[in-house]
PDB file of N, CA and C in Angstrom:
ATOM      1  N   UNK A   1       0.663  -1.315   0.044  1.00  0.00           N
ATOM      2  CA  UNK A   1       0.085   0.076  -0.103  1.00  0.00           C
ATOM      3  C   UNK A   1       1.031   1.440   0.009  1.00  0.00           C
ATOM      4  N   UNK A   2       0.726   2.314  -1.035  1.00  0.00           N
ATOM      5  CA  UNK A   2       1.603   3.177  -1.230  1.00  0.00           C
ATOM      6  C   UNK A   2       1.512   4.444  -0.153  1.00  0.00           C
ATOM      7  N   UNK A   3       2.668   4.779   0.168  1.00  0.00           N
ATOM      8  CA  UNK A   3       2.521   5.782   1.248  1.00  0.00           C
ATOM      9  C   UNK A   3       2.529   5.503   2.597  1.00  0.00           C
ATOM     10  N   UNK A   4       2.587   3.990   2.906  1.00  0.00           N
ATOM     11  CA  UNK A   4       2.786   3.763   4.394  1.00  0.00           C
ATOM     12  C   UNK A   4       4.174   3.718   4.610  1.00  0.00           C
ATOM     13  N   UNK A   5       4.349   3.981   5.908  1.00  0.00           N
ATOM     14  CA  UNK A   5       5.735   3.622   6.542  1.00  0.00           C
ATOM     15  C   UNK A   5       5.333   2.709   8.081  1.00  0.00           C
ATOM     16  N   UNK A   6       6.371   2.223   8.323  1.00  0.00           N
ATOM     17  CA  UNK A   6       6.266   1.376   9.308  1.00  0.00           C
ATOM     18  C   UNK A   6       7.299   2.023  10.475  1.00  0.00           C
ATOM     19  N   UNK A   7       6.688   2.309  11.633  1.00  0.00           N
ATOM     20  CA  UNK A   7       7.666   3.012  12.684  1.00  0.00           C
ATOM     21  C   UNK A   7       7.077   2.605  14.078  1.00  0.00           C
ATOM     22  N   UNK A   8       7.757   3.117  15.036  1.00  0.00           N
ATOM     23  CA  UNK A   8       7.345   2.785  16.273  1.00  0.00           C
ATOM     24  C   UNK A   8       6.085   3.375  16.628  1.00  0.00           C
ATOM     25  N   UNK A   9       5.093   2.446  17.322  1.00  0.00           N
ATOM     26  CA  UNK A   9       3.725   3.197  17.764  1.00  0.00           C
ATOM     27  C   UNK A   9       3.945   3.915  18.860  1.00  0.00           C
ATOM     28  N   UNK A  10       3.035   5.221  18.608  1.00  0.00           N
ATOM     29  CA  UNK A  10       2.889   6.284  19.988  1.00  0.00           C
ATOM     30  C   UNK A  10       2.254   5.872  21.165  1.00  0.00           C
ATOM     31  N   UNK A  11       1.641   4.861  20.866  1.00  0.00           N
ATOM     32  CA  UNK A  11       0.876   4.021  22.257  1.00  0.00           C
ATOM     33  C   UNK A  11       2.021   3.262  22.829  1.00  0.00           C
ATOM     34  N   UNK A  12       1.892   3.197  24.184  1.00  0.00           N
ATOM     35  CA  UNK A  12       2.712   2.295  25.211  1.00  0.00           C
ATOM     36  C   UNK A  12       2.110   0.923  24.757  1.00  0.00           C
ATOM     37  N   UNK A  13       3.274   0.104  24.786  1.00  0.00           N
ATOM     38  CA  UNK A  13       2.886  -1.448  24.681  1.00  0.00           C
ATOM     39  C   UNK A  13       2.623  -1.852  23.171  1.00  0.00           C
ATOM     40  N   UNK A  14       2.875  -1.102  22.321  1.00  0.00           N
ATOM     41  CA  UNK A  14       2.779  -1.624  20.815  1.00  0.00           C
ATOM     42  C   UNK A  14       4.265  -1.373  19.969  1.00  0.00           C
ATOM     43  N   UNK A  15       4.599  -2.127  19.505  1.00  0.00           N
ATOM     44  CA  UNK A  15       5.812  -1.937  18.681  1.00  0.00           C
ATOM     45  C   UNK A  15       5.669  -1.445  17.877  1.00  0.00           C
ATOM     46  N   UNK A  16       5.659  -1.985  16.414  1.00  0.00           N
ATOM     47  CA  UNK A  16       5.537  -1.237  15.029  1.00  0.00           C
ATOM     48  C   UNK A  16       4.000  -1.182  14.785  1.00  0.00           C
ATOM     49  N   UNK A  17       4.114   0.012  14.051  1.00  0.00           N
ATOM     50  CA  UNK A  17       2.555   0.537  13.762  1.00  0.00           C
ATOM     51  C   UNK A  17       2.806   1.116  12.200  1.00  0.00           C
ATOM     52  N   UNK A  18       1.543   1.169  11.454  1.00  0.00           N
ATOM     53  CA  UNK A  18       1.761   1.688  10.200  1.00  0.00           C
ATOM     54  C   UNK A  18       1.112   3.365  10.350  1.00  0.00           C
ATOM     55  N   UNK A  19       1.890   4.000   9.599  1.00  0.00           N
ATOM     56  CA  UNK A  19       1.686   5.314   9.414  1.00  0.00           C
ATOM     57  C   UNK A  19       1.644   6.009   8.248  1.00  0.00           C
ATOM     58  N   UNK A  20       0.999   7.053   8.053  1.00  0.00           N
ATOM     59  CA  UNK A  20       0.824   7.717   6.680  1.00  0.00           C
ATOM     60  C   UNK A  20       1.218   9.180   7.249  1.00  0.00           C
ATOM     61  N   UNK A  21       2.171   9.516   6.865  1.00  0.00           N
ATOM     62  CA  UNK A  21       2.647  10.908   7.113  1.00  0.00           C
ATOM     63  C   UNK A  21       2.918  10.919   8.704  1.00  0.00           C
ATOM     64  N   UNK A  22       2.442  11.777   9.324  1.00  0.00           N
ATOM     65  CA  UNK A  22       2.442  12.219  10.772  1.00  0.00           C
ATOM     66  C   UNK A  22       1.369  11.223  11.465  1.00  0.00           C
ATOM     67  N   UNK A  23       0.399  10.559  10.886  1.00  0.00           N
ATOM     68  CA  UNK A  23      -0.704   9.917  11.470  1.00  0.00           C
ATOM     69  C   UNK A  23      -0.471   8.558  11.362  1.00  0.00           C
ATOM     70  N   UNK A  24      -0.588   7.913  12.796  1.00  0.00           N
ATOM     71  CA  UNK A  24      -0.429   6.529  12.943  1.00  0.00           C
ATOM     72  C   UNK A  24      -2.123   5.914  12.447  1.00  0.00           C
ATOM     73  N   UNK A  25      -2.216   5.019  11.943  1.00  0.00           N
ATOM     74  CA  UNK A  25      -3.234   4.352  11.348  1.00  0.00           C
ATOM     75  C   UNK A  25      -3.694   3.042  11.641  1.00  0.00           C
ATOM     76  N   UNK A  26      -2.811   2.235  12.276  1.00  0.00           N
ATOM     77  CA  UNK A  26      -2.724   0.674  12.546  1.00  0.00           C
ATOM     78  C   UNK A  26      -1.703   0.410  13.512  1.00  0.00           C
ATOM     79  N   UNK A  27      -2.288  -0.590  14.405  1.00  0.00           N
ATOM     80  CA  UNK A  27      -1.072  -1.359  15.017  1.00  0.00           C
ATOM     81  C   UNK A  27      -1.654  -2.757  15.509  1.00  0.00           C
ATOM     82  N   UNK A  28      -0.812  -3.748  15.863  1.00  0.00           N
ATOM     83  CA  UNK A  28      -1.426  -5.024  15.900  1.00  0.00           C
ATOM     84  C   UNK A  28      -0.955  -5.485  17.414  1.00  0.00           C
ATOM     85  N   UNK A  29      -1.884  -6.367  17.968  1.00  0.00           N
ATOM     86  CA  UNK A  29      -1.481  -7.129  18.954  1.00  0.00           C
ATOM     87  C   UNK A  29      -2.567  -8.228  19.426  1.00  0.00           C
ATOM     88  N   UNK A  30      -1.932  -9.217  19.868  1.00  0.00           N
ATOM     89  CA  UNK A  30      -2.584 -10.310  20.486  1.00  0.00           C
ATOM     90  C   UNK A  30      -3.793 -10.620  19.425  1.00  0.00           C
ATOM     91  N   UNK A  31      -3.156 -11.151  18.007  1.00  0.00           N
ATOM     92  CA  UNK A  31      -3.906 -11.523  17.092  1.00  0.00           C
ATOM     93  C   UNK A  31      -5.524 -10.553  16.714  1.00  0.00           C
ATOM     94  N   UNK A  32      -5.053  -9.093  17.192  1.00  0.00           N
ATOM     95  CA  UNK A  32      -6.122  -8.137  16.768  1.00  0.00           C
ATOM     96  C   UNK A  32      -5.254  -6.815  16.296  1.00  0.00           C
ATOM     97  N   UNK A  33      -6.054  -6.104  15.463  1.00  0.00           N
ATOM     98  CA  UNK A  33      -5.574  -5.012  14.691  1.00  0.00           C
ATOM     99  C   UNK A  33      -6.288  -3.710  15.190  1.00  0.00           C
ATOM    100  N   UNK A  34      -5.895  -2.698  15.658  1.00  0.00           N
ATOM    101  CA  UNK A  34      -6.181  -1.457  15.781  1.00  0.00           C
ATOM    102  C   UNK A  34      -6.314  -0.724  14.718  1.00  0.00           C
ATOM    103  N   UNK A  35      -7.632  -0.066  14.292  1.00  0.00           N
ATOM    104  CA  UNK A  35      -7.597   0.808  12.919  1.00  0.00           C
ATOM    105  C   UNK A  35      -8.264   2.149  13.333  1.00  0.00           C
ATOM    106  N   UNK A  36      -7.394   3.159  12.971  1.00  0.00           N
ATOM    107  CA  UNK A  36      -7.971   4.291  13.202  1.00  0.00           C
ATOM    108  C   UNK A  36      -8.725   4.661  11.936  1.00  0.00           C
ATOM    109  N   UNK A  37     -10.059   5.205  12.140  1.00  0.00           N
ATOM    110  CA  UNK A  37     -10.869   5.562  10.822  1.00  0.00           C
ATOM    111  C   UNK A  37     -11.399   6.850  11.336  1.00  0.00           C
ATOM    112  N   UNK A  38     -11.349   7.414  12.171  1.00  0.00           N
ATOM    113  CA  UNK A  38     -11.914   8.756  12.786  1.00  0.00           C
ATOM    114  C   UNK A  38     -13.179   8.709  13.270  1.00  0.00           C
ATOM    115  N   UNK A  39     -13.417   9.423  14.214  1.00  0.00           N
ATOM    116  CA  UNK A  39     -14.924   9.730  14.642  1.00  0.00           C
ATOM    117  C   UNK A  39     -15.922   9.729  13.949  1.00  0.00           C
ATOM    118  N   UNK A  40     -15.644  10.668  12.926  1.00  0.00           N
ATOM    119  CA  UNK A  40     -16.674  10.689  11.779  1.00  0.00           C
ATOM    120  C   UNK A  40     -17.046   9.547  11.117  1.00  0.00           C
ATOM    121  N   UNK A  41     -16.131   9.042  10.600  1.00  0.00           N
ATOM    122  CA  UNK A  41     -15.954   7.703  10.005  1.00  0.00           C
ATOM    123  C   UNK A  41     -16.901   6.424  10.516  1.00  0.00           C
ATOM    124  N   UNK A  42     -16.339   6.382  11.854  1.00  0.00           N
ATOM    125  CA  UNK A  42     -16.840   5.262  12.912  1.00  0.00           C
ATOM    126  C   UNK A  42     -18.519   5.702  13.066  1.00  0.00           C
ATOM    127  N   UNK A  43     -18.735   6.909  13.092  1.00  0.00           N
ATOM    128  CA  UNK A  43     -20.285   7.115  13.376  1.00  0.00           C
ATOM    129  C   UNK A  43     -20.806   6.729  12.042  1.00  0.00           C
ATOM    130  N   UNK A  44     -20.443   7.084  10.897  1.00  0.00           N
ATOM    131  CA  UNK A  44     -20.962   6.721   9.646  1.00  0.00           C
ATOM    132  C   UNK A  44     -21.226   5.454   9.498  1.00  0.00           C
ATOM    133  N   UNK A  45     -20.046   4.700   9.829  1.00  0.00           N
ATOM    134  CA  UNK A  45     -20.267   3.005   9.531  1.00  0.00           C
ATOM    135  C   UNK A  45     -20.624   2.370  10.684  1.00  0.00           C
ATOM    136  N   UNK A  46     -21.042   2.905  11.948  1.00  0.00           N
ATOM    137  CA  UNK A  46     -21.608   2.293  13.052  1.00  0.00           C
ATOM    138  C   UNK A  46     -22.434   1.269  12.875  1.00  0.00           C
ATOM    139  N   UNK A  47     -23.535   0.917  12.276  1.00  0.00           N
ATOM    140  CA  UNK A  47     -24.241  -0.034  12.167  1.00  0.00           C
ATOM    141  C   UNK A  47     -23.704  -1.060  11.469  1.00  0.00           C
ATOM    142  N   UNK A  48     -22.905  -0.920  10.375  1.00  0.00           N
ATOM    143  CA  UNK A  48     -21.924  -1.745   9.698  1.00  0.00           C
ATOM    144  C   UNK A  48     -21.108  -2.508  10.767  1.00  0.00           C
ATOM    145  N   UNK A  49     -20.419  -1.736  11.418  1.00  0.00           N
ATOM    146  CA  UNK A  49     -19.170  -2.266  12.370  1.00  0.00           C
ATOM    147  C   UNK A  49     -19.794  -2.828  13.302  1.00  0.00           C
ATOM    148  N   UNK A  50     -20.893  -2.602  13.848  1.00  0.00           N
ATOM    149  CA  UNK A  50     -21.739  -3.284  15.255  1.00  0.00           C
ATOM    150  C   UNK A  50     -21.965  -4.476  14.657  1.00  0.00           C
ATOM    151  N   UNK A  51     -22.434  -4.821  13.631  1.00  0.00           N
ATOM    152  CA  UNK A  51     -23.092  -5.896  13.049  1.00  0.00           C
ATOM    153  C   UNK A  51     -21.925  -6.937  12.638  1.00  0.00           C
ATOM    154  N   UNK A  52     -20.691  -6.872  12.797  1.00  0.00           N
ATOM    155  CA  UNK A  52     -19.564  -7.728  12.447  1.00  0.00           C
ATOM    156  C   UNK A  52     -19.078  -8.100  13.880  1.00  0.00           C
ATOM    157  N   UNK A  53     -19.011  -9.263  14.187  1.00  0.00           N
ATOM    158  CA  UNK A  53     -18.824  -9.905  15.525  1.00  0.00           C
ATOM    159  C   UNK A  53     -17.328  -9.640  15.523  1.00  0.00           C
ATOM    160  N   UNK A  54     -16.571  -9.544  14.392  1.00  0.00           N
ATOM    161  CA  UNK A  54     -14.980  -9.348  14.636  1.00  0.00           C
ATOM    162  C   UNK A  54     -14.470  -8.027  15.042  1.00  0.00           C
ATOM    163  N   UNK A  55     -15.395  -7.143  15.104  1.00  0.00           N
ATOM    164  CA  UNK A  55     -15.119  -5.767  15.445  1.00  0.00           C
ATOM    165  C   UNK A  55     -15.769  -5.435  16.796  1.00  0.00           C
ATOM    166  N   UNK A  56     -14.709  -4.504  17.364  1.00  0.00           N
ATOM    167  CA  UNK A  56     -15.423  -3.934  18.800  1.00  0.00           C
ATOM    168  C   UNK A  56     -14.953  -2.515  18.649  1.00  0.00           C
ATOM    169  N   UNK A  57     -16.059  -1.724  18.843  1.00  0.00           N
ATOM    170  CA  UNK A  57     -16.264  -0.309  19.071  1.00  0.00           C
ATOM    171  C   UNK A  57     -15.645   0.191  20.326  1.00  0.00           C
ATOM    172  N   UNK A  58     -14.600   1.131  20.478  1.00  0.00           N
ATOM    173  CA  UNK A  58     -14.491   1.449  21.742  1.00  0.00           C
ATOM    174  C   UNK A  58     -15.222   2.356  22.387  1.00  0.00           C
ATOM    175  N   UNK A  59     -16.287   2.793  21.809  1.00  0.00           N
ATOM    176  CA  UNK A  59     -17.336   3.464  22.521  1.00  0.00           C
ATOM    177  C   UNK A  59     -17.537   4.962  21.634  1.00  0.00           C
ATOM    178  N   UNK A  60     -18.424   5.718  22.054  1.00  0.00           N
ATOM    179  CA  UNK A  60     -18.831   7.232  21.384  1.00  0.00           C
ATOM    180  C   UNK A  60     -17.590   7.948  21.488  1.00  0.00           C
ATOM    181  N   UNK A  61     -17.367   8.529  20.182  1.00  0.00           N
ATOM    182  CA  UNK A  61     -16.204   9.689  20.477  1.00  0.00           C
ATOM    183  C   UNK A  61     -14.713   9.010  20.187  1.00  0.00           C
ATOM    184  N   UNK A  62     -14.610   7.939  19.706  1.00  0.00           N
ATOM    185  CA  UNK A  62     -13.330   7.199  19.606  1.00  0.00           C
ATOM    186  C   UNK A  62     -13.060   7.091  18.341  1.00  0.00           C
ATOM    187  N   UNK A  63     -11.899   7.076  17.565  1.00  0.00           N
ATOM    188  CA  UNK A  63     -11.309   7.295  16.340  1.00  0.00           C
ATOM    189  C   UNK A  63     -10.724   5.759  16.052  1.00  0.00           C
ATOM    190  N   UNK A  64     -10.886   4.975  16.681  1.00  0.00           N
ATOM    191  CA  UNK A  64     -10.006   3.550  16.657  1.00  0.00           C
ATOM    192  C   UNK A  64     -11.202   2.641  16.779  1.00  0.00           C
ATOM    193  N   UNK A  65     -10.954   1.509  16.079  1.00  0.00           N
ATOM    194  CA  UNK A  65     -11.957   0.169  16.199  1.00  0.00           C
ATOM    195  C   UNK A  65     -10.760  -1.014  16.546  1.00  0.00           C
ATOM    196  N   UNK A  66     -11.371  -2.016  16.723  1.00  0.00           N
ATOM    197  CA  UNK A  66     -10.491  -3.358  17.017  1.00  0.00           C
ATOM    198  C   UNK A  66     -11.168  -4.395  16.290  1.00  0.00           C
ATOM    199  N   UNK A  67     -10.372  -4.893  15.384  1.00  0.00           N
ATOM    200  CA  UNK A  67     -10.556  -5.897  14.621  1.00  0.00           C
ATOM    201  C   UNK A  67     -10.027  -7.546  15.178  1.00  0.00           C
ATOM    202  N   UNK A  68     -10.581  -8.334  15.392  1.00  0.00           N
ATOM    203  CA  UNK A  68     -10.122  -9.786  15.757  1.00  0.00           C
ATOM    204  C   UNK A  68      -9.661 -10.406  14.420  1.00  0.00           C
ATOM    205  N   UNK A  69      -8.670 -10.978  14.563  1.00  0.00           N
ATOM    206  CA  UNK A  69      -8.134 -11.696  13.119  1.00  0.00           C
ATOM    207  C   UNK A  69      -7.690 -12.962  13.370  1.00  0.00           C
ATOM    208  N   UNK A  70      -8.614 -14.055  12.969  1.00  0.00           N
ATOM    209  CA  UNK A  70      -8.484 -15.499  13.204  1.00  0.00           C
ATOM    210  C   UNK A  70      -8.383 -16.056  11.749  1.00  0.00           C
ATOM    211  N   UNK A  71      -8.964 -15.574  10.897  1.00  0.00           N
ATOM    212  CA  UNK A  71      -9.261 -16.550   9.710  1.00  0.00           C
ATOM    213  C   UNK A  71      -8.622 -15.653   8.430  1.00  0.00           C
ATOM    214  N   UNK A  72      -8.625 -16.099   7.157  1.00  0.00           N
ATOM    215  CA  UNK A  72      -8.518 -15.739   5.923  1.00  0.00           C
ATOM    216  C   UNK A  72      -9.330 -14.220   5.676  1.00  0.00           C
ATOM    217  N   UNK A  73     -10.425 -14.739   5.903  1.00  0.00           N
ATOM    218  CA  UNK A  73     -11.754 -13.741   5.878  1.00  0.00           C
ATOM    219  C   UNK A  73     -11.675 -12.595   6.807  1.00  0.00           C
ATOM    220  N   UNK A  74     -11.176 -12.905   8.121  1.00  0.00           N
ATOM    221  CA  UNK A  74     -10.738 -11.996   9.025  1.00  0.00           C
ATOM    222  C   UNK A  74      -9.752 -10.840   8.467  1.00  0.00           C
ATOM    223  N   UNK A  75      -8.865 -11.412   8.009  1.00  0.00           N
ATOM    224  CA  UNK A  75      -7.656 -10.756   7.439  1.00  0.00           C
ATOM    225  C   UNK A  75      -8.108  -9.995   6.272  1.00  0.00           C
ATOM    226  N   UNK A  76      -9.020 -10.495   5.570  1.00  0.00           N
ATOM    227  CA  UNK A  76      -9.344  -9.563   4.441  1.00  0.00           C
ATOM    228  C   UNK A  76     -10.127  -8.578   4.700  1.00  0.00           C
ATOM    229  N   UNK A  77     -11.100  -8.613   5.937  1.00  0.00           N
ATOM    230  CA  UNK A  77     -12.100  -7.581   6.365  1.00  0.00           C
ATOM    231  C   UNK A  77     -10.957  -6.398   7.056  1.00  0.00           C
ATOM    232  N   UNK A  78      -9.863  -7.019   7.855  1.00  0.00           N
ATOM    233  CA  UNK A  78      -8.892  -5.905   8.504  1.00  0.00           C
ATOM    234  C   UNK A  78      -8.286  -5.091   7.296  1.00  0.00           C
ATOM    235  N   UNK A  79      -7.786  -5.676   6.191  1.00  0.00           N
ATOM    236  CA  UNK A  79      -7.402  -5.155   5.080  1.00  0.00           C
ATOM    237  C   UNK A  79      -8.179  -4.253   4.383  1.00  0.00           C
ATOM    238  N   UNK A  80      -9.486  -4.611   4.238  1.00  0.00           N
ATOM    239  CA  UNK A  80     -10.441  -3.768   3.592  1.00  0.00           C
ATOM    240  C   UNK A  80     -10.521  -2.183   4.660  1.00  0.00           C
ATOM    241  N   UNK A  81     -10.826  -2.599   5.868  1.00  0.00           N
ATOM    242  CA  UNK A  81     -11.021  -1.266   6.592  1.00  0.00           C
ATOM    243  C   UNK A  81      -9.622  -0.510   6.794  1.00  0.00           C
ATOM    244  N   UNK A  82      -8.336  -1.440   6.795  1.00  0.00           N
ATOM    245  CA  UNK A  82      -7.156  -0.685   6.742  1.00  0.00           C
ATOM    246  C   UNK A  82      -6.960   0.458   5.619  1.00  0.00           C
ATOM    247  N   UNK A  83      -7.459  -0.166   4.172  1.00  0.00           N
ATOM    248  CA  UNK A  83      -7.528   0.777   3.207  1.00  0.00           C
ATOM    249  C   UNK A  83      -8.470   1.935   3.343  1.00  0.00           C
ATOM    250  N   UNK A  84      -9.505   1.663   3.972  1.00  0.00           N
ATOM    251  CA  UNK A  84     -10.209   2.741   4.251  1.00  0.00           C
ATOM    252  C   UNK A  84      -9.934   3.800   5.133  1.00  0.00           C
ATOM    253  N   UNK A  85      -8.899   3.276   6.105  1.00  0.00           N
ATOM    254  CA  UNK A  85      -8.351   4.426   7.058  1.00  0.00           C
ATOM    255  C   UNK A  85      -7.158   5.046   6.218  1.00  0.00           C
ATOM    256  N   UNK A  86      -6.449   4.253   5.075  1.00  0.00           N
ATOM    257  CA  UNK A  86      -5.461   5.300   4.536  1.00  0.00           C
ATOM    258  C   UNK A  86      -6.151   6.247   3.481  1.00  0.00           C
ATOM    259  N   UNK A  87      -7.402   5.997   3.202  1.00  0.00           N
ATOM    260  CA  UNK A  87      -8.083   7.052   2.373  1.00  0.00           C
ATOM    261  C   UNK A  87      -8.289   8.127   3.297  1.00  0.00           C
ATOM    262  N   UNK A  88      -8.978   7.831   4.274  1.00  0.00           N
ATOM    263  CA  UNK A  88      -9.302   9.119   5.375  1.00  0.00           C
ATOM    264  C   UNK A  88      -8.158   9.594   5.906  1.00  0.00           C
ATOM    265  N   UNK A  89      -7.182   8.965   6.088  1.00  0.00           N
ATOM    266  CA  UNK A  89      -5.771   9.759   6.521  1.00  0.00           C
ATOM    267  C   UNK A  89      -5.290  10.543   5.219  1.00  0.00           C
ATOM    268  N   UNK A  90      -5.561  10.148   4.007  1.00  0.00           N
ATOM    269  CA  UNK A  90      -5.107  11.055   2.885  1.00  0.00           C
ATOM    270  C   UNK A  90      -6.025  12.207   2.658  1.00  0.00           C
ATOM    271  N   UNK A  91      -7.111  12.152   3.389  1.00  0.00           N
ATOM    272  CA  UNK A  91      -8.059  13.217   3.168  1.00  0.00           C
ATOM    273  C   UNK A  91      -9.000  13.052   2.074  1.00  0.00           C
ATOM    274  N   UNK A  92      -9.036  11.588   1.620  1.00  0.00           N
ATOM    275  CA  UNK A  92      -9.778  11.455   0.311  1.00  0.00           C
ATOM    276  C   UNK A  92     -11.428  11.117   0.884  1.00  0.00           C
ATOM    277  N   UNK A  93     -12.181  10.905  -0.156  1.00  0.00           N
ATOM    278  CA  UNK A  93     -13.686  10.815   0.044  1.00  0.00           C
ATOM    279  C   UNK A  93     -13.929   9.900   1.470  1.00  0.00           C
ATOM    280  N   UNK A  94     -14.999  10.367   2.360  1.00  0.00           N
ATOM    281  CA  UNK A  94     -15.243   9.724   3.774  1.00  0.00           C
ATOM    282  C   UNK A  94     -16.317   8.810   3.281  1.00  0.00           C
ATOM    283  N   UNK A  95     -16.521   7.857   2.357  1.00  0.00           N
ATOM    284  CA  UNK A  95     -17.750   7.480   2.080  1.00  0.00           C
ATOM    285  C   UNK A  95     -17.470   5.893   2.364  1.00  0.00           C
ATOM    286  N   UNK A  96     -18.816   5.181   2.491  1.00  0.00           N
ATOM    287  CA  UNK A  96     -18.700   3.892   2.898  1.00  0.00           C
ATOM    288  C   UNK A  96     -17.723   2.832   1.676  1.00  0.00           C
ATOM    289  N   UNK A  97     -17.006   1.971   2.073  1.00  0.00           N
ATOM    290  CA  UNK A  97     -16.316   1.145   1.014  1.00  0.00           C
ATOM    291  C   UNK A  97     -17.617   0.606   0.416  1.00  0.00           C
ATOM    292  N   UNK A  98     -17.283   0.364  -1.257  1.00  0.00           N
ATOM    293  CA  UNK A  98     -18.259  -0.172  -1.891  1.00  0.00           C
ATOM    294  C   UNK A  98     -18.787  -1.647  -1.344  1.00  0.00           C
ATOM    295  N   UNK A  99     -20.099  -1.776  -1.390  1.00  0.00           N
ATOM    296  CA  UNK A  99     -20.726  -3.096  -1.009  1.00  0.00           C
ATOM    297  C   UNK A  99     -20.104  -4.268  -1.694  1.00  0.00           C
ATOM    298  N   UNK A 100     -19.617  -4.310  -2.941  1.00  0.00           N
ATOM    299  CA  UNK A 100     -19.220  -5.239  -3.544  1.00  0.00           C
ATOM    300  C   UNK A 100     -17.485  -5.780  -2.942  1.00  0.00           C
ATOM    301  N   UNK A 101     -17.237  -4.801  -2.379  1.00  0.00           N
ATOM    302  CA  UNK A 101     -15.715  -5.074  -1.744  1.00  0.00           C
ATOM    303  C   UNK A 101     -15.937  -5.355  -0.172  1.00  0.00           C
ATOM    304  N   UNK A 102     -16.909  -5.394   0.564  1.00  0.00           N
ATOM    305  CA  UNK A 102     -17.256  -5.800   1.911  1.00  0.00           C
ATOM    306  C   UNK A 102     -17.131  -7.302   2.107  1.00  0.00           C
ATOM    307  N   UNK A 103     -16.295  -7.899   3.100  1.00  0.00           N
ATOM    308  CA  UNK A 103     -16.263  -9.078   3.388  1.00  0.00           C
ATOM    309  C   UNK A 103     -17.019  -9.252   4.677  1.00  0.00           C
ATOM    310  N   UNK A 104     -17.860 -10.363   4.683  1.00  0.00           N
ATOM    311  CA  UNK A 104     -18.833 -10.589   6.065  1.00  0.00           C
ATOM    312  C   UNK A 104     -17.998 -11.995   6.436  1.00  0.00           C
TER     313      UNK A 104
END
């Protein structure tokens, strides 16, 4: 994914993280991926995210979601949401991912 760099996370307890410029957008721990979507995008996708058992929302007002990754389908879903986070971090359109690309 073009434009990504791997650097130390700004959050204690996490080693490496994915960054776009000065914004940390993801880090992993214990078979889970934290992805920063922004509060506005989490709010926009709330129903979709809540309906996915692999995803934990941190609560109202949080930028980050937690995705449990156990299977190839989980990894595909995490990758889809990471791509969305990249678009958001680059300031591109904050619209939902296309229905055809969603992995359930």
